[in-house]
């Protein structure tokens, strides 16, 4: 079963310095039909103006991933990390027992465009940790690049949940497939471009919830980038 979530149906907040689209209920956007999917709780597509950002604020018991599409995202937290995140990197912050952090546009002249993702942890109360990993663009071109998962693997950020996160960049008319294990579910988000998923057409910003499907085939109608969550 495929259930499409259209881009224009997402929640939207424009604060001037921040233009944000919420796939699931978040902040002032509330829709009881869209509170998350399985352990996936938040996908926010954020554009932050030069020199602006999110001031220091706390989190607990959430796996938080950031994936930059364009620009630079500056990070600072109470664990002592002070980093800058760019494209072809994944940032993971396991909030656990508690962390305070800030995220700012790392440029004074260019906007930053990124995805903020929250995944509910399998267990609360673990120590807060941070990880940032870079990869080459070739690792995602025409194939799946795993960004995060529950098992420690070289080049893959470890999260406290039975979920795997992949990204792929496809050329026009290129296709890629993914098989789901028994009882698994999927969420596919179109970051850029336009694709079909098992024949269903998705445009930029669209997504599809996947259940009771042994596999999916994604075909790109144009140069595209997609994010896939394989969930228990």
C-alpha atoms as a PDB file:
ATOM      1  CA  UNK A   1       0.000   0.000   0.000  1.00  0.00           C
ATOM      2  CA  UNK A   2       1.282   3.430  -0.986  1.00  0.00           C
ATOM      3  CA  UNK A   3      -0.119   6.597   0.610  1.00  0.00           C
ATOM      4  CA  UNK A   4       1.081   9.818  -0.985  1.00  0.00           C
ATOM      5  CA  UNK A   5       1.738  12.964   1.049  1.00  0.00           C
ATOM      6  CA  UNK A   6       1.782  15.916  -1.343  1.00  0.00           C
ATOM      7  CA  UNK A   7       4.233  18.760  -0.831  1.00  0.00           C
ATOM      8  CA  UNK A   8       1.531  21.431  -0.798  1.00  0.00           C
ATOM      9  CA  UNK A   9      -0.367  19.586   1.963  1.00  0.00           C
ATOM     10  CA  UNK A  10       2.507  20.009   4.416  1.00  0.00           C
ATOM     11  CA  UNK A  11       2.398  22.513   7.229  1.00  0.00           C
ATOM     12  CA  UNK A  12       4.107  25.801   6.399  1.00  0.00           C
ATOM     13  CA  UNK A  13       5.607  28.539   8.555  1.00  0.00           C
ATOM     14  CA  UNK A  14       7.275  31.677   7.192  1.00  0.00           C
ATOM     15  CA  UNK A  15       9.015  33.696   9.896  1.00  0.00           C
ATOM     16  CA  UNK A  16      10.965  35.876   7.477  1.00  0.00           C
ATOM     17  CA  UNK A  17      14.366  34.543   8.518  1.00  0.00           C
ATOM     18  CA  UNK A  18      13.007  30.960   8.455  1.00  0.00           C
ATOM     19  CA  UNK A  19      10.855  29.331   5.765  1.00  0.00           C
ATOM     20  CA  UNK A  20       9.839  25.862   6.960  1.00  0.00           C
ATOM     21  CA  UNK A  21       7.665  23.048   5.604  1.00  0.00           C
ATOM     22  CA  UNK A  22       6.509  20.386   8.078  1.00  0.00           C
ATOM     23  CA  UNK A  23       5.737  16.896   6.783  1.00  0.00           C
ATOM     24  CA  UNK A  24       4.331  15.976  10.207  1.00  0.00           C
ATOM     25  CA  UNK A  25       2.741  18.002  13.020  1.00  0.00           C
ATOM     26  CA  UNK A  26       5.294  20.371  14.502  1.00  0.00           C
ATOM     27  CA  UNK A  27       5.234  23.603  16.554  1.00  0.00           C
ATOM     28  CA  UNK A  28       2.089  25.569  15.585  1.00  0.00           C
ATOM     29  CA  UNK A  29       1.169  23.116  12.814  1.00  0.00           C
ATOM     30  CA  UNK A  30      -1.072  20.347  14.117  1.00  0.00           C
ATOM     31  CA  UNK A  31      -2.862  17.684  12.088  1.00  0.00           C
ATOM     32  CA  UNK A  32      -3.948  14.527  13.965  1.00  0.00           C
ATOM     33  CA  UNK A  33      -3.770  12.603  10.672  1.00  0.00           C
ATOM     34  CA  UNK A  34      -0.075  13.393  10.315  1.00  0.00           C
ATOM     35  CA  UNK A  35       1.666  12.920  13.659  1.00  0.00           C
ATOM     36  CA  UNK A  36       4.501  10.833  12.215  1.00  0.00           C
ATOM     37  CA  UNK A  37       4.975   7.448  10.591  1.00  0.00           C
ATOM     38  CA  UNK A  38       6.147   4.486  12.680  1.00  0.00           C
ATOM     39  CA  UNK A  39       9.200   5.810  14.604  1.00  0.00           C
ATOM     40  CA  UNK A  40       9.653   8.716  12.164  1.00  0.00           C
ATOM     41  CA  UNK A  41       8.333  11.801  13.948  1.00  0.00           C
ATOM     42  CA  UNK A  42       9.604  14.931  12.126  1.00  0.00           C
ATOM     43  CA  UNK A  43      10.758  15.911   8.654  1.00  0.00           C
ATOM     44  CA  UNK A  44      11.150  19.673   8.411  1.00  0.00           C
ATOM     45  CA  UNK A  45      12.466  21.270   5.233  1.00  0.00           C
ATOM     46  CA  UNK A  46      14.073  24.506   6.421  1.00  0.00           C
ATOM     47  CA  UNK A  47      15.530  27.497   4.620  1.00  0.00           C
ATOM     48  CA  UNK A  48      17.373  29.881   6.949  1.00  0.00           C
ATOM     49  CA  UNK A  49      18.426  33.401   5.994  1.00  0.00           C
ATOM     50  CA  UNK A  50      22.116  34.418   6.123  1.00  0.00           C
ATOM     51  CA  UNK A  51      23.405  34.980   9.636  1.00  0.00           C
ATOM     52  CA  UNK A  52      20.185  33.761  11.297  1.00  0.00           C
ATOM     53  CA  UNK A  53      19.243  30.542  13.065  1.00  0.00           C
ATOM     54  CA  UNK A  54      17.828  28.681  16.024  1.00  0.00           C
ATOM     55  CA  UNK A  55      19.141  29.913  19.386  1.00  0.00           C
ATOM     56  CA  UNK A  56      20.148  27.588  22.211  1.00  0.00           C
ATOM     57  CA  UNK A  57      17.280  25.254  23.165  1.00  0.00           C
ATOM     58  CA  UNK A  58      16.982  21.850  24.861  1.00  0.00           C
ATOM     59  CA  UNK A  59      16.009  18.353  23.649  1.00  0.00           C
ATOM     60  CA  UNK A  60      15.593  15.015  25.381  1.00  0.00           C
ATOM     61  CA  UNK A  61      15.097  11.444  24.172  1.00  0.00           C
ATOM     62  CA  UNK A  62      15.060  11.986  20.421  1.00  0.00           C
ATOM     63  CA  UNK A  63      17.338  10.932  17.559  1.00  0.00           C
ATOM     64  CA  UNK A  64      17.885  14.134  15.529  1.00  0.00           C
ATOM     65  CA  UNK A  65      19.421  14.075  12.046  1.00  0.00           C
ATOM     66  CA  UNK A  66      20.357  17.063   9.892  1.00  0.00           C
ATOM     67  CA  UNK A  67      21.029  16.787   6.158  1.00  0.00           C
ATOM     68  CA  UNK A  68      22.150  19.927   4.299  1.00  0.00           C
ATOM     69  CA  UNK A  69      21.103  20.398   0.667  1.00  0.00           C
ATOM     70  CA  UNK A  70      22.701  23.800   0.047  1.00  0.00           C
ATOM     71  CA  UNK A  71      24.830  26.118   2.149  1.00  0.00           C
ATOM     72  CA  UNK A  72      26.404  25.652   5.576  1.00  0.00           C
ATOM     73  CA  UNK A  73      24.822  24.885   8.950  1.00  0.00           C
ATOM     74  CA  UNK A  74      26.754  25.888  12.067  1.00  0.00           C
ATOM     75  CA  UNK A  75      26.191  23.714  15.161  1.00  0.00           C
ATOM     76  CA  UNK A  76      27.064  24.267  18.829  1.00  0.00           C
ATOM     77  CA  UNK A  77      25.962  22.167  21.807  1.00  0.00           C
ATOM     78  CA  UNK A  78      26.337  21.653  25.552  1.00  0.00           C
ATOM     79  CA  UNK A  79      28.524  18.565  24.950  1.00  0.00           C
ATOM     80  CA  UNK A  80      31.274  20.849  23.639  1.00  0.00           C
ATOM     81  CA  UNK A  81      30.822  20.290  19.914  1.00  0.00           C
ATOM     82  CA  UNK A  82      31.160  23.274  17.589  1.00  0.00           C
ATOM     83  CA  UNK A  83      30.949  22.164  13.951  1.00  0.00           C
ATOM     84  CA  UNK A  84      29.858  23.263  10.481  1.00  0.00           C
ATOM     85  CA  UNK A  85      27.765  20.909   8.351  1.00  0.00           C
ATOM     86  CA  UNK A  86      27.619  21.065   4.553  1.00  0.00           C
ATOM     87  CA  UNK A  87      26.220  18.962   1.692  1.00  0.00           C
ATOM     88  CA  UNK A  88      27.153  15.269   1.548  1.00  0.00           C
ATOM     89  CA  UNK A  89      27.368  14.999   5.320  1.00  0.00           C
ATOM     90  CA  UNK A  90      25.048  13.614   7.987  1.00  0.00           C
ATOM     91  CA  UNK A  91      24.798  15.031  11.485  1.00  0.00           C
ATOM     92  CA  UNK A  92      23.289  12.906  14.255  1.00  0.00           C
ATOM     93  CA  UNK A  93      22.509  14.112  17.747  1.00  0.00           C
ATOM     94  CA  UNK A  94      21.057  11.590  20.201  1.00  0.00           C
ATOM     95  CA  UNK A  95      19.451  13.869  22.775  1.00  0.00           C
ATOM     96  CA  UNK A  96      19.070  11.118  25.392  1.00  0.00           C
ATOM     97  CA  UNK A  97      19.169  12.446  28.956  1.00  0.00           C
ATOM     98  CA  UNK A  98      19.302  16.002  27.634  1.00  0.00           C
ATOM     99  CA  UNK A  99      21.288  18.385  25.467  1.00  0.00           C
ATOM    100  CA  UNK A 100      21.167  22.093  24.689  1.00  0.00           C
ATOM    101  CA  UNK A 101      22.148  23.132  21.158  1.00  0.00           C
ATOM    102  CA  UNK A 102      21.915  25.911  18.578  1.00  0.00           C
ATOM    103  CA  UNK A 103      21.864  25.687  14.778  1.00  0.00           C
ATOM    104  CA  UNK A 104      22.723  28.743  12.671  1.00  0.00           C
ATOM    105  CA  UNK A 105      23.313  29.570   9.053  1.00  0.00           C
ATOM    106  CA  UNK A 106      27.084  29.388   8.756  1.00  0.00           C
ATOM    107  CA  UNK A 107      27.156  32.085   6.064  1.00  0.00           C
ATOM    108  CA  UNK A 108      26.540  35.834   6.332  1.00  0.00           C
ATOM    109  CA  UNK A 109      25.652  36.071   2.627  1.00  0.00           C
ATOM    110  CA  UNK A 110      24.025  32.821   1.443  1.00  0.00           C
ATOM    111  CA  UNK A 111      20.922  30.980   2.721  1.00  0.00           C
ATOM    112  CA  UNK A 112      21.123  27.418   4.022  1.00  0.00           C
ATOM    113  CA  UNK A 113      18.615  24.763   2.936  1.00  0.00           C
ATOM    114  CA  UNK A 114      18.460  21.597   5.004  1.00  0.00           C
ATOM    115  CA  UNK A 115      16.269  18.798   6.335  1.00  0.00           C
ATOM    116  CA  UNK A 116      15.758  18.324  10.056  1.00  0.00           C
ATOM    117  CA  UNK A 117      14.641  14.781  10.930  1.00  0.00           C
ATOM    118  CA  UNK A 118      13.513  13.367  14.259  1.00  0.00           C
ATOM    119  CA  UNK A 119      13.242   9.647  14.975  1.00  0.00           C
ATOM    120  CA  UNK A 120      11.801   8.398  18.267  1.00  0.00           C
ATOM    121  CA  UNK A 121      14.366   6.288  20.167  1.00  0.00           C
ATOM    122  CA  UNK A 122      13.847   2.650  21.107  1.00  0.00           C
ATOM    123  CA  UNK A 123      14.973   3.434  24.657  1.00  0.00           C
ATOM    124  CA  UNK A 124      14.852   6.637  26.711  1.00  0.00           C
ATOM    125  CA  UNK A 125      17.444   7.894  29.165  1.00  0.00           C
ATOM    126  CA  UNK A 126      20.629   7.046  27.267  1.00  0.00           C
ATOM    127  CA  UNK A 127      23.611   9.432  27.408  1.00  0.00           C
ATOM    128  CA  UNK A 128      23.482  12.266  24.890  1.00  0.00           C
ATOM    129  CA  UNK A 129      25.925  11.835  21.983  1.00  0.00           C
ATOM    130  CA  UNK A 130      26.882  13.593  18.741  1.00  0.00           C
ATOM    131  CA  UNK A 131      28.242  12.346  15.422  1.00  0.00           C
ATOM    132  CA  UNK A 132      28.999  13.992  12.084  1.00  0.00           C
ATOM    133  CA  UNK A 133      30.099  12.012   9.026  1.00  0.00           C
ATOM    134  CA  UNK A 134      31.038  13.115   5.501  1.00  0.00           C
ATOM    135  CA  UNK A 135      30.881  11.051   2.321  1.00  0.00           C
ATOM    136  CA  UNK A 136      31.791  11.530  -1.326  1.00  0.00           C
ATOM    137  CA  UNK A 137      28.994  12.497  -3.764  1.00  0.00           C
ATOM    138  CA  UNK A 138      29.751   9.379  -5.806  1.00  0.00           C
ATOM    139  CA  UNK A 139      28.551   7.178  -2.934  1.00  0.00           C
ATOM    140  CA  UNK A 140      24.932   8.238  -3.548  1.00  0.00           C
ATOM    141  CA  UNK A 141      24.935   8.535  -7.343  1.00  0.00           C
ATOM    142  CA  UNK A 142      22.746   5.830  -8.868  1.00  0.00           C
ATOM    143  CA  UNK A 143      22.779   3.770  -5.657  1.00  0.00           C
ATOM    144  CA  UNK A 144      21.742   3.867  -2.037  1.00  0.00           C
ATOM    145  CA  UNK A 145      24.062   5.528   0.435  1.00  0.00           C
ATOM    146  CA  UNK A 146      23.115   4.570   3.999  1.00  0.00           C
ATOM    147  CA  UNK A 147      23.249   7.614   6.253  1.00  0.00           C
ATOM    148  CA  UNK A 148      22.093   6.139   9.565  1.00  0.00           C
ATOM    149  CA  UNK A 149      21.067   2.864  11.158  1.00  0.00           C
ATOM    150  CA  UNK A 150      21.042   0.857  14.389  1.00  0.00           C
ATOM    151  CA  UNK A 151      24.265  -1.090  13.719  1.00  0.00           C
ATOM    152  CA  UNK A 152      27.741   0.443  13.888  1.00  0.00           C
ATOM    153  CA  UNK A 153      29.054   0.351  10.322  1.00  0.00           C
ATOM    154  CA  UNK A 154      31.858   2.391   8.714  1.00  0.00           C
ATOM    155  CA  UNK A 155      30.446   5.604   7.259  1.00  0.00           C
ATOM    156  CA  UNK A 156      27.002   5.107   8.826  1.00  0.00           C
ATOM    157  CA  UNK A 157      25.767   7.156  11.793  1.00  0.00           C
ATOM    158  CA  UNK A 158      24.403   5.010  14.634  1.00  0.00           C
ATOM    159  CA  UNK A 159      20.886   5.715  15.928  1.00  0.00           C
ATOM    160  CA  UNK A 160      19.007   4.231  18.869  1.00  0.00           C
ATOM    161  CA  UNK A 161      16.147   2.767  16.814  1.00  0.00           C
ATOM    162  CA  UNK A 162      15.455  -0.085  14.381  1.00  0.00           C
ATOM    163  CA  UNK A 163      15.452   2.267  11.405  1.00  0.00           C
ATOM    164  CA  UNK A 164      17.718   2.751   8.427  1.00  0.00           C
ATOM    165  CA  UNK A 165      18.038   5.988   6.477  1.00  0.00           C
ATOM    166  CA  UNK A 166      19.286   6.077   2.877  1.00  0.00           C
ATOM    167  CA  UNK A 167      19.828   8.730   0.223  1.00  0.00           C
ATOM    168  CA  UNK A 168      20.194   8.358  -3.538  1.00  0.00           C
ATOM    169  CA  UNK A 169      20.799  10.781  -6.381  1.00  0.00           C
ATOM    170  CA  UNK A 170      19.425   9.671  -9.739  1.00  0.00           C
ATOM    171  CA  UNK A 171      20.033  10.974 -13.245  1.00  0.00           C
ATOM    172  CA  UNK A 172      17.065  11.474 -15.576  1.00  0.00           C
ATOM    173  CA  UNK A 173      15.478   8.114 -16.510  1.00  0.00           C
ATOM    174  CA  UNK A 174      17.698   6.254 -14.024  1.00  0.00           C
ATOM    175  CA  UNK A 175      16.041   3.827 -11.609  1.00  0.00           C
ATOM    176  CA  UNK A 176      16.800   2.105  -8.317  1.00  0.00           C
ATOM    177  CA  UNK A 177      14.998  -0.490  -6.200  1.00  0.00           C
ATOM    178  CA  UNK A 178      14.753  -1.365  -2.514  1.00  0.00           C
ATOM    179  CA  UNK A 179      13.469  -4.543  -0.878  1.00  0.00           C
ATOM    180  CA  UNK A 180      11.741  -4.506   2.499  1.00  0.00           C
ATOM    181  CA  UNK A 181      12.033  -7.317   5.000  1.00  0.00           C
ATOM    182  CA  UNK A 182       8.948  -9.008   6.441  1.00  0.00           C
ATOM    183  CA  UNK A 183       6.897  -6.586   8.542  1.00  0.00           C
ATOM    184  CA  UNK A 184       8.962  -3.563   7.499  1.00  0.00           C
ATOM    185  CA  UNK A 185       7.596  -0.211   6.356  1.00  0.00           C
ATOM    186  CA  UNK A 186       9.020   2.662   4.345  1.00  0.00           C
ATOM    187  CA  UNK A 187       8.818   6.403   3.915  1.00  0.00           C
ATOM    188  CA  UNK A 188      10.256   7.974   0.777  1.00  0.00           C
ATOM    189  CA  UNK A 189      10.773  11.747   0.566  1.00  0.00           C
ATOM    190  CA  UNK A 190      11.586  13.469  -2.737  1.00  0.00           C
ATOM    191  CA  UNK A 191      14.266  16.033  -1.930  1.00  0.00           C
ATOM    192  CA  UNK A 192      14.755  17.305  -5.485  1.00  0.00           C
ATOM    193  CA  UNK A 193      13.342  16.535  -8.915  1.00  0.00           C
ATOM    194  CA  UNK A 194      10.525  14.128  -9.670  1.00  0.00           C
ATOM    195  CA  UNK A 195      10.175  10.336  -9.616  1.00  0.00           C
ATOM    196  CA  UNK A 196       7.698   7.489  -9.837  1.00  0.00           C
ATOM    197  CA  UNK A 197       7.485   4.914  -7.039  1.00  0.00           C
ATOM    198  CA  UNK A 198       5.904   1.641  -8.186  1.00  0.00           C
ATOM    199  CA  UNK A 199       4.197   3.693 -10.876  1.00  0.00           C
ATOM    200  CA  UNK A 200       2.964   6.493  -8.571  1.00  0.00           C
ATOM    201  CA  UNK A 201       4.169   9.968  -9.561  1.00  0.00           C
ATOM    202  CA  UNK A 202       5.889  12.152  -6.939  1.00  0.00           C
ATOM    203  CA  UNK A 203       7.137  15.710  -7.407  1.00  0.00           C
ATOM    204  CA  UNK A 204       9.705  17.663  -5.395  1.00  0.00           C
ATOM    205  CA  UNK A 205       8.667  17.809  -1.734  1.00  0.00           C
ATOM    206  CA  UNK A 206       6.190  14.931  -2.085  1.00  0.00           C
ATOM    207  CA  UNK A 207       6.479  11.779  -0.017  1.00  0.00           C
ATOM    208  CA  UNK A 208       4.929   8.331   0.153  1.00  0.00           C
ATOM    209  CA  UNK A 209       4.246   6.008   3.087  1.00  0.00           C
ATOM    210  CA  UNK A 210       4.925   2.382   2.174  1.00  0.00           C
ATOM    211  CA  UNK A 211       3.362  -0.610   3.927  1.00  0.00           C
ATOM    212  CA  UNK A 212       2.798  -4.232   2.919  1.00  0.00           C
ATOM    213  CA  UNK A 213       5.009  -3.823  -0.150  1.00  0.00           C
ATOM    214  CA  UNK A 214       7.858  -6.324  -0.584  1.00  0.00           C
ATOM    215  CA  UNK A 215       9.825  -3.849  -2.680  1.00  0.00           C
ATOM    216  CA  UNK A 216       9.724  -0.501  -4.454  1.00  0.00           C
ATOM    217  CA  UNK A 217      11.219   0.700  -7.723  1.00  0.00           C
ATOM    218  CA  UNK A 218      12.013   4.395  -8.045  1.00  0.00           C
ATOM    219  CA  UNK A 219      12.352   5.848 -11.553  1.00  0.00           C
ATOM    220  CA  UNK A 220      13.597   9.392 -12.040  1.00  0.00           C
ATOM    221  CA  UNK A 221      11.840  11.559 -14.628  1.00  0.00           C
ATOM    222  CA  UNK A 222      14.569  14.176 -14.207  1.00  0.00           C
ATOM    223  CA  UNK A 223      17.706  14.610 -12.145  1.00  0.00           C
ATOM    224  CA  UNK A 224      16.455  13.778  -8.624  1.00  0.00           C
ATOM    225  CA  UNK A 225      17.460  13.086  -5.041  1.00  0.00           C
ATOM    226  CA  UNK A 226      15.400  10.943  -2.659  1.00  0.00           C
ATOM    227  CA  UNK A 227      15.554  10.040   1.006  1.00  0.00           C
ATOM    228  CA  UNK A 228      14.315   6.601   2.126  1.00  0.00           C
ATOM    229  CA  UNK A 229      13.472   5.400   5.639  1.00  0.00           C
ATOM    230  CA  UNK A 230      13.256   1.626   6.224  1.00  0.00           C
ATOM    231  CA  UNK A 231      11.274   1.276   9.466  1.00  0.00           C
ATOM    232  CA  UNK A 232      10.131  -1.457  11.841  1.00  0.00           C
END
